[in-house]
Amino acid sequence: MHDDHKQADDTQAHPEGFDRCLETVPLHCARSLTGGGQTAHIFLMGQTYVLRITRAGKLILTK
């Protein structure tokens, strides 16, 4: 991660207090989770969920 905490595909600055969040909450790049594509499968407690990046750049998580 760069000193200014910007990802390569991140075009906005991070909000105030971002550094404090990094200390306690993991941060994952959605594009990394999807392998550069549009979807990723996430497995939790016997259930598979689908994480999808929409054309508008929003995230949708479904069963």
PDB file of N, CA and C in Angstrom:
ATOM      1  N   MET A   1       0.847  -1.176   0.000  1.00  0.00           N
ATOM      2  CA  MET A   1       0.000   0.000   0.000  1.00  0.00           C
ATOM      3  C   MET A   1       0.889   1.235   0.000  1.00  0.00           C
ATOM      4  N   HIS A   2       0.538   2.247  -0.701  1.00  0.00           N
ATOM      5  CA  HIS A   2       1.317   3.470  -0.783  1.00  0.00           C
ATOM      6  C   HIS A   2       1.175   4.287   0.493  1.00  0.00           C
ATOM      7  N   ASP A   3       2.067   5.265   0.667  1.00  0.00           N
ATOM      8  CA  ASP A   3       2.022   6.112   1.849  1.00  0.00           C
ATOM      9  C   ASP A   3       0.714   6.869   1.968  1.00  0.00           C
ATOM     10  N   ASP A   4       0.080   7.220   0.837  1.00  0.00           N
ATOM     11  CA  ASP A   4      -1.169   7.976   0.900  1.00  0.00           C
ATOM     12  C   ASP A   4      -2.382   7.048   1.001  1.00  0.00           C
ATOM     13  N   HIS A   5      -2.162   5.736   1.162  1.00  0.00           N
ATOM     14  CA  HIS A   5      -3.202   4.732   1.350  1.00  0.00           C
ATOM     15  C   HIS A   5      -4.145   4.627   0.165  1.00  0.00           C
ATOM     16  N   LYS A   6      -3.697   4.918  -1.044  1.00  0.00           N
ATOM     17  CA  LYS A   6      -4.535   4.775  -2.230  1.00  0.00           C
ATOM     18  C   LYS A   6      -4.192   3.470  -2.920  1.00  0.00           C
ATOM     19  N   GLN A   7      -5.215   2.733  -3.349  1.00  0.00           N
ATOM     20  CA  GLN A   7      -5.027   1.544  -4.158  1.00  0.00           C
ATOM     21  C   GLN A   7      -4.862   1.993  -5.606  1.00  0.00           C
ATOM     22  N   ALA A   8      -4.337   1.122  -6.443  1.00  0.00           N
ATOM     23  CA  ALA A   8      -4.140   1.459  -7.848  1.00  0.00           C
ATOM     24  C   ALA A   8      -5.461   1.785  -8.533  1.00  0.00           C
ATOM     25  N   ASP A   9      -6.563   1.111  -8.118  1.00  0.00           N
ATOM     26  CA  ASP A   9      -7.841   1.353  -8.764  1.00  0.00           C
ATOM     27  C   ASP A   9      -8.741   2.254  -7.918  1.00  0.00           C
ATOM     28  N   ASP A  10      -8.193   2.896  -6.898  1.00  0.00           N
ATOM     29  CA  ASP A  10      -8.952   3.773  -6.007  1.00  0.00           C
ATOM     30  C   ASP A  10      -8.753   5.210  -6.460  1.00  0.00           C
ATOM     31  N   THR A  11      -9.856   5.900  -6.765  1.00  0.00           N
ATOM     32  CA  THR A  11      -9.741   7.264  -7.275  1.00  0.00           C
ATOM     33  C   THR A  11     -10.100   8.311  -6.237  1.00  0.00           C
ATOM     34  N   GLN A  12     -10.606   7.911  -5.056  1.00  0.00           N
ATOM     35  CA  GLN A  12     -10.998   8.870  -4.036  1.00  0.00           C
ATOM     36  C   GLN A  12     -10.072   8.763  -2.833  1.00  0.00           C
ATOM     37  N   ALA A  13      -9.904   9.884  -2.136  1.00  0.00           N
ATOM     38  CA  ALA A  13      -9.112   9.878  -0.910  1.00  0.00           C
ATOM     39  C   ALA A  13      -9.886   9.140   0.174  1.00  0.00           C
ATOM     40  N   HIS A  14      -9.176   8.562   1.116  1.00  0.00           N
ATOM     41  CA  HIS A  14      -9.828   7.848   2.199  1.00  0.00           C
ATOM     42  C   HIS A  14     -10.331   8.837   3.241  1.00  0.00           C
ATOM     43  N   PRO A  15     -11.401   8.487   3.947  1.00  0.00           N
ATOM     44  CA  PRO A  15     -11.988   9.398   4.933  1.00  0.00           C
ATOM     45  C   PRO A  15     -11.095   9.602   6.146  1.00  0.00           C
ATOM     46  N   GLU A  16     -11.381  10.651   6.886  1.00  0.00           N
ATOM     47  CA  GLU A  16     -10.651  10.941   8.114  1.00  0.00           C
ATOM     48  C   GLU A  16     -10.786   9.755   9.066  1.00  0.00           C
ATOM     49  N   GLY A  17      -9.738   9.407   9.736  1.00  0.00           N
ATOM     50  CA  GLY A  17      -9.747   8.280  10.661  1.00  0.00           C
ATOM     51  C   GLY A  17      -9.450   6.948  10.002  1.00  0.00           C
ATOM     52  N   PHE A  18      -9.169   6.959   8.702  1.00  0.00           N
ATOM     53  CA  PHE A  18      -8.919   5.729   7.954  1.00  0.00           C
ATOM     54  C   PHE A  18      -7.779   4.928   8.575  1.00  0.00           C
ATOM     55  N   ASP A  19      -6.719   5.594   9.000  1.00  0.00           N
ATOM     56  CA  ASP A  19      -5.573   4.904   9.580  1.00  0.00           C
ATOM     57  C   ASP A  19      -5.955   4.134  10.839  1.00  0.00           C
ATOM     58  N   ARG A  20      -6.851   4.682  11.648  1.00  0.00           N
ATOM     59  CA  ARG A  20      -7.295   3.990  12.856  1.00  0.00           C
ATOM     60  C   ARG A  20      -8.059   2.724  12.493  1.00  0.00           C
ATOM     61  N   CYS A  21      -8.855   2.774  11.428  1.00  0.00           N
ATOM     62  CA  CYS A  21      -9.611   1.597  10.992  1.00  0.00           C
ATOM     63  C   CYS A  21      -8.674   0.475  10.570  1.00  0.00           C
ATOM     64  N   LEU A  22      -7.573   0.826   9.937  1.00  0.00           N
ATOM     65  CA  LEU A  22      -6.629  -0.189   9.483  1.00  0.00           C
ATOM     66  C   LEU A  22      -6.037  -0.965  10.644  1.00  0.00           C
ATOM     67  N   GLU A  23      -6.000  -0.361  11.817  1.00  0.00           N
ATOM     68  CA  GLU A  23      -5.420  -1.022  12.972  1.00  0.00           C
ATOM     69  C   GLU A  23      -6.312  -2.137  13.494  1.00  0.00           C
ATOM     70  N   THR A  24      -7.626  -2.067  13.263  1.00  0.00           N
ATOM     71  CA  THR A  24      -8.534  -3.036  13.862  1.00  0.00           C
ATOM     72  C   THR A  24      -9.374  -3.813  12.849  1.00  0.00           C
ATOM     73  N   VAL A  25      -9.590  -3.288  11.670  1.00  0.00           N
ATOM     74  CA  VAL A  25     -10.466  -3.923  10.684  1.00  0.00           C
ATOM     75  C   VAL A  25      -9.671  -4.216   9.417  1.00  0.00           C
ATOM     76  N   PRO A  26      -9.665  -5.474   8.956  1.00  0.00           N
ATOM     77  CA  PRO A  26      -8.946  -5.793   7.718  1.00  0.00           C
ATOM     78  C   PRO A  26      -9.549  -5.042   6.529  1.00  0.00           C
ATOM     79  N   LEU A  27      -8.709  -4.642   5.601  1.00  0.00           N
ATOM     80  CA  LEU A  27      -9.151  -3.958   4.389  1.00  0.00           C
ATOM     81  C   LEU A  27      -8.784  -4.830   3.197  1.00  0.00           C
ATOM     82  N   HIS A  28      -9.770  -5.120   2.347  1.00  0.00           N
ATOM     83  CA  HIS A  28      -9.546  -5.955   1.171  1.00  0.00           C
ATOM     84  C   HIS A  28      -9.985  -5.196  -0.068  1.00  0.00           C
ATOM     85  N   CYS A  29      -9.181  -5.228  -1.098  1.00  0.00           N
ATOM     86  CA  CYS A  29      -9.533  -4.610  -2.367  1.00  0.00           C
ATOM     87  C   CYS A  29     -10.506  -5.540  -3.089  1.00  0.00           C
ATOM     88  N   ALA A  30     -11.680  -5.038  -3.461  1.00  0.00           N
ATOM     89  CA  ALA A  30     -12.698  -5.858  -4.136  1.00  0.00           C
ATOM     90  C   ALA A  30     -12.153  -6.429  -5.439  1.00  0.00           C
ATOM     91  N   ARG A  31     -11.355  -5.671  -6.164  1.00  0.00           N
ATOM     92  CA  ARG A  31     -10.795  -6.165  -7.430  1.00  0.00           C
ATOM     93  C   ARG A  31      -9.844  -7.336  -7.178  1.00  0.00           C
ATOM     94  N   SER A  32      -9.155  -7.329  -6.050  1.00  0.00           N
ATOM     95  CA  SER A  32      -8.292  -8.462  -5.712  1.00  0.00           C
ATOM     96  C   SER A  32      -9.129  -9.685  -5.364  1.00  0.00           C
ATOM     97  N   LEU A  33     -10.216  -9.474  -4.636  1.00  0.00           N
ATOM     98  CA  LEU A  33     -11.088 -10.592  -4.277  1.00  0.00           C
ATOM     99  C   LEU A  33     -11.698 -11.246  -5.513  1.00  0.00           C
ATOM    100  N   THR A  34     -11.977 -10.463  -6.532  1.00  0.00           N
ATOM    101  CA  THR A  34     -12.588 -11.005  -7.751  1.00  0.00           C
ATOM    102  C   THR A  34     -11.553 -11.400  -8.788  1.00  0.00           C
ATOM    103  N   GLY A  35     -10.291 -11.311  -8.443  1.00  0.00           N
ATOM    104  CA  GLY A  35      -9.233 -11.684  -9.383  1.00  0.00           C
ATOM    105  C   GLY A  35      -9.220 -10.806 -10.622  1.00  0.00           C
ATOM    106  N   GLY A  36      -9.668  -9.562 -10.472  1.00  0.00           N
ATOM    107  CA  GLY A  36      -9.718  -8.638 -11.602  1.00  0.00           C
ATOM    108  C   GLY A  36     -10.991  -8.759 -12.425  1.00  0.00           C
ATOM    109  N   GLY A  37     -11.839  -9.718 -12.080  1.00  0.00           N
ATOM    110  CA  GLY A  37     -13.104  -9.905 -12.797  1.00  0.00           C
ATOM    111  C   GLY A  37     -14.247  -9.183 -12.114  1.00  0.00           C
ATOM    112  N   GLN A  38     -15.444  -9.700 -12.298  1.00  0.00           N
ATOM    113  CA  GLN A  38     -16.632  -9.061 -11.737  1.00  0.00           C
ATOM    114  C   GLN A  38     -17.223  -9.809 -10.543  1.00  0.00           C
ATOM    115  N   THR A  39     -16.857 -11.080 -10.338  1.00  0.00           N
ATOM    116  CA  THR A  39     -17.458 -11.861  -9.258  1.00  0.00           C
ATOM    117  C   THR A  39     -16.429 -12.651  -8.474  1.00  0.00           C
ATOM    118  N   ALA A  40     -16.803 -12.956  -7.226  1.00  0.00           N
ATOM    119  CA  ALA A  40     -16.012 -13.829  -6.362  1.00  0.00           C
ATOM    120  C   ALA A  40     -16.980 -14.673  -5.558  1.00  0.00           C
ATOM    121  N   HIS A  41     -16.604 -15.900  -5.261  1.00  0.00           N
ATOM    122  CA  HIS A  41     -17.395 -16.755  -4.384  1.00  0.00           C
ATOM    123  C   HIS A  41     -16.752 -16.707  -3.009  1.00  0.00           C
ATOM    124  N   ILE A  42     -17.591 -16.519  -1.997  1.00  0.00           N
ATOM    125  CA  ILE A  42     -17.117 -16.436  -0.618  1.00  0.00           C
ATOM    126  C   ILE A  42     -17.838 -17.514   0.177  1.00  0.00           C
ATOM    127  N   PHE A  43     -17.078 -18.352   0.865  1.00  0.00           N
ATOM    128  CA  PHE A  43     -17.642 -19.472   1.610  1.00  0.00           C
ATOM    129  C   PHE A  43     -17.605 -19.161   3.097  1.00  0.00           C
ATOM    130  N   LEU A  44     -18.752 -19.335   3.780  1.00  0.00           N
ATOM    131  CA  LEU A  44     -18.843 -19.081   5.220  1.00  0.00           C
ATOM    132  C   LEU A  44     -19.841 -20.046   5.845  1.00  0.00           C
ATOM    133  N   MET A  45     -19.382 -20.822   6.813  1.00  0.00           N
ATOM    134  CA  MET A  45     -20.242 -21.717   7.584  1.00  0.00           C
ATOM    135  C   MET A  45     -21.164 -22.570   6.698  1.00  0.00           C
ATOM    136  N   GLY A  46     -20.589 -23.211   5.690  1.00  0.00           N
ATOM    137  CA  GLY A  46     -21.356 -24.112   4.844  1.00  0.00           C
ATOM    138  C   GLY A  46     -22.169 -23.444   3.753  1.00  0.00           C
ATOM    139  N   GLN A  47     -22.125 -22.126   3.667  1.00  0.00           N
ATOM    140  CA  GLN A  47     -22.879 -21.387   2.659  1.00  0.00           C
ATOM    141  C   GLN A  47     -21.914 -20.707   1.692  1.00  0.00           C
ATOM    142  N   THR A  48     -22.274 -20.688   0.419  1.00  0.00           N
ATOM    143  CA  THR A  48     -21.483 -19.977  -0.583  1.00  0.00           C
ATOM    144  C   THR A  48     -22.223 -18.716  -0.985  1.00  0.00           C
ATOM    145  N   TYR A  49     -21.540 -17.602  -0.932  1.00  0.00           N
ATOM    146  CA  TYR A  49     -22.091 -16.306  -1.314  1.00  0.00           C
ATOM    147  C   TYR A  49     -21.376 -15.828  -2.574  1.00  0.00           C
ATOM    148  N   VAL A  50     -22.046 -14.973  -3.322  1.00  0.00           N
ATOM    149  CA  VAL A  50     -21.455 -14.395  -4.524  1.00  0.00           C
ATOM    150  C   VAL A  50     -21.311 -12.887  -4.308  1.00  0.00           C
ATOM    151  N   LEU A  51     -20.092 -12.407  -4.435  1.00  0.00           N
ATOM    152  CA  LEU A  51     -19.807 -10.978  -4.390  1.00  0.00           C
ATOM    153  C   LEU A  51     -19.677 -10.513  -5.830  1.00  0.00           C
ATOM    154  N   ARG A  52     -20.460  -9.504  -6.195  1.00  0.00           N
ATOM    155  CA  ARG A  52     -20.456  -9.027  -7.580  1.00  0.00           C
ATOM    156  C   ARG A  52     -20.209  -7.526  -7.606  1.00  0.00           C
ATOM    157  N   ILE A  53     -19.356  -7.094  -8.526  1.00  0.00           N
ATOM    158  CA  ILE A  53     -19.132  -5.669  -8.766  1.00  0.00           C
ATOM    159  C   ILE A  53     -20.018  -5.281  -9.947  1.00  0.00           C
ATOM    160  N   THR A  54     -20.905  -4.318  -9.737  1.00  0.00           N
ATOM    161  CA  THR A  54     -21.815  -3.896 -10.798  1.00  0.00           C
ATOM    162  C   THR A  54     -21.120  -2.950 -11.760  1.00  0.00           C
ATOM    163  N   ARG A  55     -21.774  -2.679 -12.894  1.00  0.00           N
ATOM    164  CA  ARG A  55     -21.236  -1.708 -13.863  1.00  0.00           C
ATOM    165  C   ARG A  55     -21.100  -0.325 -13.252  1.00  0.00           C
ATOM    166  N   ALA A  56     -21.947  -0.032 -12.250  1.00  0.00           N
ATOM    167  CA  ALA A  56     -21.901   1.272 -11.579  1.00  0.00           C
ATOM    168  C   ALA A  56     -20.828   1.318 -10.490  1.00  0.00           C
ATOM    169  N   GLY A  57     -20.118   0.197 -10.290  1.00  0.00           N
ATOM    170  CA  GLY A  57     -19.056   0.174  -9.293  1.00  0.00           C
ATOM    171  C   GLY A  57     -19.547  -0.108  -7.885  1.00  0.00           C
ATOM    172  N   LYS A  58     -20.748  -0.638  -7.736  1.00  0.00           N
ATOM    173  CA  LYS A  58     -21.295  -0.995  -6.429  1.00  0.00           C
ATOM    174  C   LYS A  58     -21.034  -2.474  -6.177  1.00  0.00           C
ATOM    175  N   LEU A  59     -21.055  -2.864  -4.894  1.00  0.00           N
ATOM    176  CA  LEU A  59     -20.881  -4.262  -4.526  1.00  0.00           C
ATOM    177  C   LEU A  59     -22.218  -4.856  -4.112  1.00  0.00           C
ATOM    178  N   ILE A  60     -22.478  -6.085  -4.582  1.00  0.00           N
ATOM    179  CA  ILE A  60     -23.680  -6.819  -4.194  1.00  0.00           C
ATOM    180  C   ILE A  60     -23.228  -8.179  -3.689  1.00  0.00           C
ATOM    181  N   LEU A  61     -23.706  -8.568  -2.504  1.00  0.00           N
ATOM    182  CA  LEU A  61     -23.415  -9.872  -1.934  1.00  0.00           C
ATOM    183  C   LEU A  61     -24.710 -10.648  -1.835  1.00  0.00           C
ATOM    184  N   THR A  62     -24.769 -11.819  -2.490  1.00  0.00           N
ATOM    185  CA  THR A  62     -25.987 -12.648  -2.476  1.00  0.00           C
ATOM    186  C   THR A  62     -25.625 -14.077  -2.146  1.00  0.00           C
ATOM    187  N   LYS A  63     -26.656 -14.849  -1.747  1.00  0.00           N
ATOM    188  CA  LYS A  63     -26.487 -16.293  -1.494  1.00  0.00           C
ATOM    189  C   LYS A  63     -26.602 -17.030  -2.797  1.00  0.00           C
TER     190      LYS A  63
END
